[in-house]
């Protein structure tokens, strides 16, 4: 069909359609006379492009979303990134209000730097750890990224974290990635927040936690040591994550840098190590 019919069916201007052609989002056939011949598939793609543009996606994001058969995964990733950006915009609005009410300009400037550093780390985490696992990692570390960077050591640690996240390769099979996404499909932020609170409770007083949850903990450990567990995707994922943590620099580079960057994360890590010691005294033959 000709471009005028495409414009009518997609409610797009001629200029917009030609722009999407120039950007490579659609590739209509070109006849001998030079006229473009748009197919039904082109119309379907243009309708999708129109929706995504109205949702605020850039041409680059749309190109990624519509190529390679990964539309759902890409859109989920973009949605998670947009959530971070929305929170940042909300915090910037609060800072603007503070500034309008007479707050110190230098203080606001430093809080903006802090906000931008946190946003950069969270976005890199989403890119480094795709899918719902990346969302969980983001929510976990976000709590420890609200502190100012005031020393050269902290700035060096921040730079180390960014370099690590830009170069790390979280390489797991598509089957395990699907397993993660399916297992965590219904885990919203509220659920993950409850999970974090429960983890914090256990870490703060592991001895009491072990007493209160002894039966469920021992049943869980028995299952994890069974042949049945070794035949599950969960076991394969556990092994893949252990290998990643050992070989990627996650334990030797990323976590030490986080402890330098964030005092609150350093305190959490120290509590976690103490909790591990308590657990291993109780169950010395179990590997955490």
C-alpha atoms as a PDB file:
ATOM      1  CA  UNK A   1       0.000   0.000   0.000  1.00  0.00           C
ATOM      2  CA  UNK A   2       1.025   3.614  -0.512  1.00  0.00           C
ATOM      3  CA  UNK A   3       2.162   5.947   2.245  1.00  0.00           C
ATOM      4  CA  UNK A   4      -1.113   7.933   2.306  1.00  0.00           C
ATOM      5  CA  UNK A   5      -3.065   4.774   3.192  1.00  0.00           C
ATOM      6  CA  UNK A   6      -0.469   3.893   5.849  1.00  0.00           C
ATOM      7  CA  UNK A   7      -0.811   7.349   7.404  1.00  0.00           C
ATOM      8  CA  UNK A   8      -4.589   6.989   7.532  1.00  0.00           C
ATOM      9  CA  UNK A   9      -4.513   3.535   9.100  1.00  0.00           C
ATOM     10  CA  UNK A  10      -1.821   4.363  11.659  1.00  0.00           C
ATOM     11  CA  UNK A  11      -2.935   7.931  12.450  1.00  0.00           C
ATOM     12  CA  UNK A  12       0.597   9.136  11.687  1.00  0.00           C
ATOM     13  CA  UNK A  13       1.847  12.023   9.589  1.00  0.00           C
ATOM     14  CA  UNK A  14       3.757  11.420   6.375  1.00  0.00           C
ATOM     15  CA  UNK A  15       6.787  13.045   7.977  1.00  0.00           C
ATOM     16  CA  UNK A  16       6.648  10.644  10.926  1.00  0.00           C
ATOM     17  CA  UNK A  17       6.381   7.561   8.719  1.00  0.00           C
ATOM     18  CA  UNK A  18       9.324   8.665   6.580  1.00  0.00           C
ATOM     19  CA  UNK A  19      11.337   9.395   9.726  1.00  0.00           C
ATOM     20  CA  UNK A  20      10.763   5.857  11.031  1.00  0.00           C
ATOM     21  CA  UNK A  21      11.837   4.514   7.631  1.00  0.00           C
ATOM     22  CA  UNK A  22      15.025   6.627   7.766  1.00  0.00           C
ATOM     23  CA  UNK A  23      15.754   5.361  11.272  1.00  0.00           C
ATOM     24  CA  UNK A  24      15.434   1.751  10.105  1.00  0.00           C
ATOM     25  CA  UNK A  25      12.441   0.916  12.296  1.00  0.00           C
ATOM     26  CA  UNK A  26      10.579  -0.318   9.205  1.00  0.00           C
ATOM     27  CA  UNK A  27      11.877  -1.270   5.760  1.00  0.00           C
ATOM     28  CA  UNK A  28       9.138  -1.133   3.112  1.00  0.00           C
ATOM     29  CA  UNK A  29       9.842  -2.510  -0.339  1.00  0.00           C
ATOM     30  CA  UNK A  30      10.826   0.041  -3.003  1.00  0.00           C
ATOM     31  CA  UNK A  31       9.328  -0.427  -6.477  1.00  0.00           C
ATOM     32  CA  UNK A  32      11.085   0.309  -9.757  1.00  0.00           C
ATOM     33  CA  UNK A  33       9.361   3.697  -9.989  1.00  0.00           C
ATOM     34  CA  UNK A  34      10.760   4.672  -6.573  1.00  0.00           C
ATOM     35  CA  UNK A  35       7.481   4.438  -4.662  1.00  0.00           C
ATOM     36  CA  UNK A  36       7.518   2.661  -1.334  1.00  0.00           C
ATOM     37  CA  UNK A  37       5.219  -0.341  -0.984  1.00  0.00           C
ATOM     38  CA  UNK A  38       4.201  -0.818   2.661  1.00  0.00           C
ATOM     39  CA  UNK A  39       3.087  -4.270   3.798  1.00  0.00           C
ATOM     40  CA  UNK A  40       0.606  -5.272   6.493  1.00  0.00           C
ATOM     41  CA  UNK A  41       3.620  -6.160   8.663  1.00  0.00           C
ATOM     42  CA  UNK A  42       4.917  -2.583   8.217  1.00  0.00           C
ATOM     43  CA  UNK A  43       1.535  -1.224   9.317  1.00  0.00           C
ATOM     44  CA  UNK A  44       1.538  -3.495  12.368  1.00  0.00           C
ATOM     45  CA  UNK A  45       5.041  -2.319  13.297  1.00  0.00           C
ATOM     46  CA  UNK A  46       4.099   1.324  12.799  1.00  0.00           C
ATOM     47  CA  UNK A  47       1.133   0.924  15.131  1.00  0.00           C
ATOM     48  CA  UNK A  48       3.472  -0.557  17.747  1.00  0.00           C
ATOM     49  CA  UNK A  49       5.950   2.281  17.180  1.00  0.00           C
ATOM     50  CA  UNK A  50       3.175   4.850  17.657  1.00  0.00           C
ATOM     51  CA  UNK A  51       2.188   3.259  20.976  1.00  0.00           C
ATOM     52  CA  UNK A  52       5.756   3.104  22.229  1.00  0.00           C
ATOM     53  CA  UNK A  53       6.462   6.708  21.214  1.00  0.00           C
ATOM     54  CA  UNK A  54       3.396   7.877  23.120  1.00  0.00           C
ATOM     55  CA  UNK A  55       4.732   5.978  26.134  1.00  0.00           C
ATOM     56  CA  UNK A  56       7.899   8.060  25.903  1.00  0.00           C
ATOM     57  CA  UNK A  57      10.344   5.533  24.450  1.00  0.00           C
ATOM     58  CA  UNK A  58      13.204   6.811  22.317  1.00  0.00           C
ATOM     59  CA  UNK A  59      13.810   5.607  18.768  1.00  0.00           C
ATOM     60  CA  UNK A  60      16.833   3.636  20.009  1.00  0.00           C
ATOM     61  CA  UNK A  61      14.726   1.905  22.676  1.00  0.00           C
ATOM     62  CA  UNK A  62      12.001   1.109  20.135  1.00  0.00           C
ATOM     63  CA  UNK A  63      14.546  -0.325  17.730  1.00  0.00           C
ATOM     64  CA  UNK A  64      15.858  -2.630  20.454  1.00  0.00           C
ATOM     65  CA  UNK A  65      12.356  -3.620  21.554  1.00  0.00           C
ATOM     66  CA  UNK A  66      11.174  -4.569  18.064  1.00  0.00           C
ATOM     67  CA  UNK A  67      14.270  -6.453  16.923  1.00  0.00           C
ATOM     68  CA  UNK A  68      15.474  -9.960  17.595  1.00  0.00           C
ATOM     69  CA  UNK A  69      12.241 -11.397  18.962  1.00  0.00           C
ATOM     70  CA  UNK A  70      12.950 -10.033  22.459  1.00  0.00           C
ATOM     71  CA  UNK A  71      10.150  -7.473  22.662  1.00  0.00           C
ATOM     72  CA  UNK A  72       8.736  -8.601  26.009  1.00  0.00           C
ATOM     73  CA  UNK A  73      12.112  -8.854  27.746  1.00  0.00           C
ATOM     74  CA  UNK A  74      13.285  -5.481  26.408  1.00  0.00           C
ATOM     75  CA  UNK A  75      10.048  -3.729  27.379  1.00  0.00           C
ATOM     76  CA  UNK A  76      10.256  -5.165  30.892  1.00  0.00           C
ATOM     77  CA  UNK A  77      13.821  -3.896  31.199  1.00  0.00           C
ATOM     78  CA  UNK A  78      12.796  -0.452  29.933  1.00  0.00           C
ATOM     79  CA  UNK A  79       9.875  -0.419  32.341  1.00  0.00           C
ATOM     80  CA  UNK A  80      12.199  -1.111  35.271  1.00  0.00           C
ATOM     81  CA  UNK A  81      14.579   1.605  34.080  1.00  0.00           C
ATOM     82  CA  UNK A  82      11.676   4.058  33.812  1.00  0.00           C
ATOM     83  CA  UNK A  83      10.659   3.281  37.393  1.00  0.00           C
ATOM     84  CA  UNK A  84      14.121   4.316  38.554  1.00  0.00           C
ATOM     85  CA  UNK A  85      13.929   7.490  36.475  1.00  0.00           C
ATOM     86  CA  UNK A  86      10.486   8.325  37.882  1.00  0.00           C
ATOM     87  CA  UNK A  87      11.770   8.006  41.432  1.00  0.00           C
ATOM     88  CA  UNK A  88      14.711  10.215  40.553  1.00  0.00           C
ATOM     89  CA  UNK A  89      12.374  12.824  39.059  1.00  0.00           C
ATOM     90  CA  UNK A  90      10.273  12.739  42.223  1.00  0.00           C
ATOM     91  CA  UNK A  91      13.347  13.298  44.379  1.00  0.00           C
ATOM     92  CA  UNK A  92      14.502  16.109  42.086  1.00  0.00           C
ATOM     93  CA  UNK A  93      11.107  17.730  42.499  1.00  0.00           C
ATOM     94  CA  UNK A  94      11.536  17.544  46.275  1.00  0.00           C
ATOM     95  CA  UNK A  95      14.970  19.148  45.972  1.00  0.00           C
ATOM     96  CA  UNK A  96      13.519  21.898  43.779  1.00  0.00           C
ATOM     97  CA  UNK A  97      10.901  22.568  46.441  1.00  0.00           C
ATOM     98  CA  UNK A  98      13.599  22.732  49.113  1.00  0.00           C
ATOM     99  CA  UNK A  99      15.593  25.137  46.965  1.00  0.00           C
ATOM    100  CA  UNK A 100      12.525  27.348  46.447  1.00  0.00           C
ATOM    101  CA  UNK A 101      12.036  27.425  50.210  1.00  0.00           C
ATOM    102  CA  UNK A 102      15.501  28.843  50.744  1.00  0.00           C
ATOM    103  CA  UNK A 103      17.760  25.845  51.127  1.00  0.00           C
ATOM    104  CA  UNK A 104      21.495  26.200  50.536  1.00  0.00           C
ATOM    105  CA  UNK A 105      22.487  25.905  46.863  1.00  0.00           C
ATOM    106  CA  UNK A 106      25.666  23.961  47.608  1.00  0.00           C
ATOM    107  CA  UNK A 107      23.762  21.470  49.741  1.00  0.00           C
ATOM    108  CA  UNK A 108      21.231  20.902  46.946  1.00  0.00           C
ATOM    109  CA  UNK A 109      24.052  20.533  44.419  1.00  0.00           C
ATOM    110  CA  UNK A 110      25.709  17.816  46.500  1.00  0.00           C
ATOM    111  CA  UNK A 111      22.393  15.993  46.956  1.00  0.00           C
ATOM    112  CA  UNK A 112      21.938  16.088  43.176  1.00  0.00           C
ATOM    113  CA  UNK A 113      25.379  14.539  42.677  1.00  0.00           C
ATOM    114  CA  UNK A 114      24.489  11.860  45.207  1.00  0.00           C
ATOM    115  CA  UNK A 115      21.176  11.197  43.451  1.00  0.00           C
ATOM    116  CA  UNK A 116      22.863  10.939  40.048  1.00  0.00           C
ATOM    117  CA  UNK A 117      25.490   8.523  41.369  1.00  0.00           C
ATOM    118  CA  UNK A 118      22.794   6.292  42.825  1.00  0.00           C
ATOM    119  CA  UNK A 119      20.786   6.381  39.595  1.00  0.00           C
ATOM    120  CA  UNK A 120      23.881   5.475  37.574  1.00  0.00           C
ATOM    121  CA  UNK A 121      24.673   2.450  39.763  1.00  0.00           C
ATOM    122  CA  UNK A 122      21.082   1.199  39.735  1.00  0.00           C
ATOM    123  CA  UNK A 123      20.782   1.525  35.955  1.00  0.00           C
ATOM    124  CA  UNK A 124      24.098  -0.316  35.526  1.00  0.00           C
ATOM    125  CA  UNK A 125      22.852  -3.065  37.847  1.00  0.00           C
ATOM    126  CA  UNK A 126      19.756  -3.507  35.690  1.00  0.00           C
ATOM    127  CA  UNK A 127      21.908  -3.807  32.585  1.00  0.00           C
ATOM    128  CA  UNK A 128      24.433  -6.155  34.199  1.00  0.00           C
ATOM    129  CA  UNK A 129      21.830  -8.468  35.751  1.00  0.00           C
ATOM    130  CA  UNK A 130      18.892  -8.712  33.344  1.00  0.00           C
ATOM    131  CA  UNK A 131      15.350  -9.782  34.080  1.00  0.00           C
ATOM    132  CA  UNK A 132      13.732 -10.106  37.482  1.00  0.00           C
ATOM    133  CA  UNK A 133      17.044 -11.026  39.090  1.00  0.00           C
ATOM    134  CA  UNK A 134      18.359  -7.600  38.109  1.00  0.00           C
ATOM    135  CA  UNK A 135      15.276  -6.025  39.669  1.00  0.00           C
ATOM    136  CA  UNK A 136      15.932  -7.890  42.926  1.00  0.00           C
ATOM    137  CA  UNK A 137      19.621  -6.906  42.945  1.00  0.00           C
ATOM    138  CA  UNK A 138      18.612  -3.293  42.325  1.00  0.00           C
ATOM    139  CA  UNK A 139      16.160  -3.204  45.215  1.00  0.00           C
ATOM    140  CA  UNK A 140      18.684  -4.881  47.506  1.00  0.00           C
ATOM    141  CA  UNK A 141      21.514  -2.404  46.911  1.00  0.00           C
ATOM    142  CA  UNK A 142      19.345   0.708  46.520  1.00  0.00           C
ATOM    143  CA  UNK A 143      18.965   0.913  50.310  1.00  0.00           C
ATOM    144  CA  UNK A 144      22.714   1.450  50.686  1.00  0.00           C
ATOM    145  CA  UNK A 145      23.187   4.158  48.044  1.00  0.00           C
ATOM    146  CA  UNK A 146      21.816   7.179  49.882  1.00  0.00           C
ATOM    147  CA  UNK A 147      25.077   8.418  51.395  1.00  0.00           C
ATOM    148  CA  UNK A 148      27.267  11.282  50.161  1.00  0.00           C
ATOM    149  CA  UNK A 149      30.673  10.628  48.620  1.00  0.00           C
ATOM    150  CA  UNK A 150      33.057  12.763  50.671  1.00  0.00           C
ATOM    151  CA  UNK A 151      36.439  11.029  50.408  1.00  0.00           C
ATOM    152  CA  UNK A 152      38.796  10.121  47.592  1.00  0.00           C
ATOM    153  CA  UNK A 153      38.490   6.481  48.640  1.00  0.00           C
ATOM    154  CA  UNK A 154      34.724   6.625  48.177  1.00  0.00           C
ATOM    155  CA  UNK A 155      35.068   8.225  44.742  1.00  0.00           C
ATOM    156  CA  UNK A 156      37.591   5.552  43.722  1.00  0.00           C
ATOM    157  CA  UNK A 157      35.197   2.873  44.970  1.00  0.00           C
ATOM    158  CA  UNK A 158      32.359   4.412  42.951  1.00  0.00           C
ATOM    159  CA  UNK A 159      34.523   4.398  39.823  1.00  0.00           C
ATOM    160  CA  UNK A 160      35.451   0.757  40.486  1.00  0.00           C
ATOM    161  CA  UNK A 161      31.791  -0.206  40.799  1.00  0.00           C
ATOM    162  CA  UNK A 162      30.864   1.486  37.521  1.00  0.00           C
ATOM    163  CA  UNK A 163      33.780  -0.129  35.673  1.00  0.00           C
ATOM    164  CA  UNK A 164      32.875  -3.537  37.082  1.00  0.00           C
ATOM    165  CA  UNK A 165      29.202  -3.251  36.107  1.00  0.00           C
ATOM    166  CA  UNK A 166      30.098  -1.993  32.624  1.00  0.00           C
ATOM    167  CA  UNK A 167      32.345  -4.979  31.933  1.00  0.00           C
ATOM    168  CA  UNK A 168      30.893  -7.879  33.928  1.00  0.00           C
ATOM    169  CA  UNK A 169      29.295 -10.726  31.984  1.00  0.00           C
ATOM    170  CA  UNK A 170      26.383 -12.348  33.799  1.00  0.00           C
ATOM    171  CA  UNK A 171      26.315 -15.337  31.503  1.00  0.00           C
ATOM    172  CA  UNK A 172      23.596 -17.865  32.278  1.00  0.00           C
ATOM    173  CA  UNK A 173      21.587 -20.009  29.917  1.00  0.00           C
ATOM    174  CA  UNK A 174      18.320 -18.786  28.421  1.00  0.00           C
ATOM    175  CA  UNK A 175      16.606 -21.675  30.225  1.00  0.00           C
ATOM    176  CA  UNK A 176      17.825 -20.454  33.627  1.00  0.00           C
ATOM    177  CA  UNK A 177      16.973 -16.850  32.740  1.00  0.00           C
ATOM    178  CA  UNK A 178      13.411 -17.958  31.938  1.00  0.00           C
ATOM    179  CA  UNK A 179      13.315 -19.876  35.217  1.00  0.00           C
ATOM    180  CA  UNK A 180      14.322 -16.744  37.152  1.00  0.00           C
ATOM    181  CA  UNK A 181      11.722 -14.613  35.375  1.00  0.00           C
ATOM    182  CA  UNK A 182       8.955 -17.172  35.893  1.00  0.00           C
ATOM    183  CA  UNK A 183       9.861 -17.794  39.538  1.00  0.00           C
ATOM    184  CA  UNK A 184       9.915 -14.060  40.293  1.00  0.00           C
ATOM    185  CA  UNK A 185       7.120 -12.967  37.956  1.00  0.00           C
ATOM    186  CA  UNK A 186       4.764 -12.092  40.822  1.00  0.00           C
ATOM    187  CA  UNK A 187       7.412 -10.641  43.123  1.00  0.00           C
ATOM    188  CA  UNK A 188       6.569  -6.952  43.243  1.00  0.00           C
ATOM    189  CA  UNK A 189       8.473  -4.326  45.192  1.00  0.00           C
ATOM    190  CA  UNK A 190       6.312  -4.855  48.281  1.00  0.00           C
ATOM    191  CA  UNK A 191       7.142  -8.569  48.326  1.00  0.00           C
ATOM    192  CA  UNK A 192      10.849  -7.903  47.854  1.00  0.00           C
ATOM    193  CA  UNK A 193      10.762  -5.300  50.594  1.00  0.00           C
ATOM    194  CA  UNK A 194       9.205  -7.841  52.972  1.00  0.00           C
ATOM    195  CA  UNK A 195      11.902 -10.322  51.958  1.00  0.00           C
ATOM    196  CA  UNK A 196      14.585  -7.735  52.735  1.00  0.00           C
ATOM    197  CA  UNK A 197      13.027  -6.970  56.118  1.00  0.00           C
ATOM    198  CA  UNK A 198      12.952 -10.681  56.987  1.00  0.00           C
ATOM    199  CA  UNK A 199      16.585 -11.018  55.910  1.00  0.00           C
ATOM    200  CA  UNK A 200      17.542  -8.028  58.060  1.00  0.00           C
ATOM    201  CA  UNK A 201      15.728  -9.555  61.034  1.00  0.00           C
ATOM    202  CA  UNK A 202      17.628 -12.820  60.629  1.00  0.00           C
ATOM    203  CA  UNK A 203      20.981 -11.065  60.222  1.00  0.00           C
ATOM    204  CA  UNK A 204      20.523  -8.857  63.287  1.00  0.00           C
ATOM    205  CA  UNK A 205      19.870 -11.808  65.633  1.00  0.00           C
ATOM    206  CA  UNK A 206      20.692 -15.086  63.928  1.00  0.00           C
ATOM    207  CA  UNK A 207      20.605 -17.102  67.156  1.00  0.00           C
ATOM    208  CA  UNK A 208      17.011 -16.093  67.888  1.00  0.00           C
ATOM    209  CA  UNK A 209      16.038 -16.556  64.244  1.00  0.00           C
ATOM    210  CA  UNK A 210      17.418 -20.101  64.237  1.00  0.00           C
ATOM    211  CA  UNK A 211      15.443 -20.962  67.356  1.00  0.00           C
ATOM    212  CA  UNK A 212      12.175 -19.498  66.100  1.00  0.00           C
ATOM    213  CA  UNK A 213      12.436 -21.074  62.632  1.00  0.00           C
ATOM    214  CA  UNK A 214      14.364 -24.252  63.443  1.00  0.00           C
ATOM    215  CA  UNK A 215      11.895 -26.708  61.917  1.00  0.00           C
ATOM    216  CA  UNK A 216      11.442 -24.879  58.619  1.00  0.00           C
ATOM    217  CA  UNK A 217      15.195 -24.198  58.326  1.00  0.00           C
ATOM    218  CA  UNK A 218      16.127 -27.836  58.897  1.00  0.00           C
ATOM    219  CA  UNK A 219      13.452 -29.050  56.479  1.00  0.00           C
ATOM    220  CA  UNK A 220      14.790 -26.644  53.865  1.00  0.00           C
ATOM    221  CA  UNK A 221      18.378 -27.770  54.417  1.00  0.00           C
ATOM    222  CA  UNK A 222      17.356 -31.423  54.145  1.00  0.00           C
ATOM    223  CA  UNK A 223      15.643 -30.716  50.833  1.00  0.00           C
ATOM    224  CA  UNK A 224      18.677 -28.835  49.489  1.00  0.00           C
ATOM    225  CA  UNK A 225      20.902 -31.813  50.275  1.00  0.00           C
ATOM    226  CA  UNK A 226      18.576 -34.255  48.535  1.00  0.00           C
ATOM    227  CA  UNK A 227      18.884 -35.793  45.093  1.00  0.00           C
ATOM    228  CA  UNK A 228      15.468 -34.345  44.293  1.00  0.00           C
ATOM    229  CA  UNK A 229      16.814 -30.821  44.704  1.00  0.00           C
ATOM    230  CA  UNK A 230      19.850 -31.562  42.543  1.00  0.00           C
ATOM    231  CA  UNK A 231      17.502 -32.339  39.663  1.00  0.00           C
ATOM    232  CA  UNK A 232      15.775 -28.961  39.758  1.00  0.00           C
ATOM    233  CA  UNK A 233      16.468 -25.718  37.849  1.00  0.00           C
ATOM    234  CA  UNK A 234      16.889 -24.065  41.270  1.00  0.00           C
ATOM    235  CA  UNK A 235      19.996 -26.167  41.917  1.00  0.00           C
ATOM    236  CA  UNK A 236      21.397 -25.366  38.466  1.00  0.00           C
ATOM    237  CA  UNK A 237      20.789 -21.677  39.127  1.00  0.00           C
ATOM    238  CA  UNK A 238      22.485 -21.882  42.526  1.00  0.00           C
ATOM    239  CA  UNK A 239      25.572 -23.449  40.941  1.00  0.00           C
ATOM    240  CA  UNK A 240      25.613 -20.847  38.155  1.00  0.00           C
ATOM    241  CA  UNK A 241      25.407 -17.999  40.691  1.00  0.00           C
ATOM    242  CA  UNK A 242      28.175 -19.499  42.842  1.00  0.00           C
ATOM    243  CA  UNK A 243      30.401 -19.806  39.788  1.00  0.00           C
ATOM    244  CA  UNK A 244      29.620 -16.214  38.750  1.00  0.00           C
ATOM    245  CA  UNK A 245      30.440 -14.872  42.209  1.00  0.00           C
ATOM    246  CA  UNK A 246      33.736 -16.797  42.312  1.00  0.00           C
ATOM    247  CA  UNK A 247      34.996 -15.931  38.840  1.00  0.00           C
ATOM    248  CA  UNK A 248      33.554 -12.536  37.861  1.00  0.00           C
ATOM    249  CA  UNK A 249      35.122 -10.316  40.509  1.00  0.00           C
ATOM    250  CA  UNK A 250      31.769  -9.875  42.257  1.00  0.00           C
ATOM    251  CA  UNK A 251      33.251 -10.951  45.614  1.00  0.00           C
ATOM    252  CA  UNK A 252      36.763  -9.566  45.114  1.00  0.00           C
ATOM    253  CA  UNK A 253      35.940  -6.273  43.344  1.00  0.00           C
ATOM    254  CA  UNK A 254      32.284  -5.236  43.534  1.00  0.00           C
ATOM    255  CA  UNK A 255      31.422  -6.055  47.160  1.00  0.00           C
ATOM    256  CA  UNK A 256      34.642  -4.584  48.641  1.00  0.00           C
ATOM    257  CA  UNK A 257      34.034  -1.393  46.648  1.00  0.00           C
ATOM    258  CA  UNK A 258      30.465  -1.256  47.960  1.00  0.00           C
ATOM    259  CA  UNK A 259      31.788  -1.517  51.513  1.00  0.00           C
ATOM    260  CA  UNK A 260      34.057   1.481  50.907  1.00  0.00           C
ATOM    261  CA  UNK A 261      31.390   3.522  49.118  1.00  0.00           C
ATOM    262  CA  UNK A 262      28.616   2.934  51.646  1.00  0.00           C
ATOM    263  CA  UNK A 263      29.010   2.883  55.411  1.00  0.00           C
ATOM    264  CA  UNK A 264      25.551   1.373  55.824  1.00  0.00           C
ATOM    265  CA  UNK A 265      26.408  -1.475  53.448  1.00  0.00           C
ATOM    266  CA  UNK A 266      29.685  -2.055  55.306  1.00  0.00           C
ATOM    267  CA  UNK A 267      27.732  -2.386  58.569  1.00  0.00           C
ATOM    268  CA  UNK A 268      25.245  -4.746  56.928  1.00  0.00           C
ATOM    269  CA  UNK A 269      28.074  -6.895  55.522  1.00  0.00           C
ATOM    270  CA  UNK A 270      29.740  -7.127  58.936  1.00  0.00           C
ATOM    271  CA  UNK A 271      26.450  -8.222  60.495  1.00  0.00           C
ATOM    272  CA  UNK A 272      25.996 -10.747  57.689  1.00  0.00           C
ATOM    273  CA  UNK A 273      29.430 -12.273  58.354  1.00  0.00           C
ATOM    274  CA  UNK A 274      28.643 -12.579  62.065  1.00  0.00           C
ATOM    275  CA  UNK A 275      25.298 -14.190  61.232  1.00  0.00           C
ATOM    276  CA  UNK A 276      27.094 -16.698  58.981  1.00  0.00           C
ATOM    277  CA  UNK A 277      29.418 -17.601  61.866  1.00  0.00           C
ATOM    278  CA  UNK A 278      26.461 -18.198  64.172  1.00  0.00           C
ATOM    279  CA  UNK A 279      24.726 -20.333  61.548  1.00  0.00           C
ATOM    280  CA  UNK A 280      27.841 -22.449  60.898  1.00  0.00           C
ATOM    281  CA  UNK A 281      28.385 -23.033  64.603  1.00  0.00           C
ATOM    282  CA  UNK A 282      24.866 -24.431  64.740  1.00  0.00           C
ATOM    283  CA  UNK A 283      25.128 -26.378  61.443  1.00  0.00           C
ATOM    284  CA  UNK A 284      28.886 -26.920  60.856  1.00  0.00           C
ATOM    285  CA  UNK A 285      28.353 -29.461  58.059  1.00  0.00           C
ATOM    286  CA  UNK A 286      26.167 -27.194  55.964  1.00  0.00           C
ATOM    287  CA  UNK A 287      27.637 -24.946  53.270  1.00  0.00           C
ATOM    288  CA  UNK A 288      25.960 -21.544  53.022  1.00  0.00           C
END
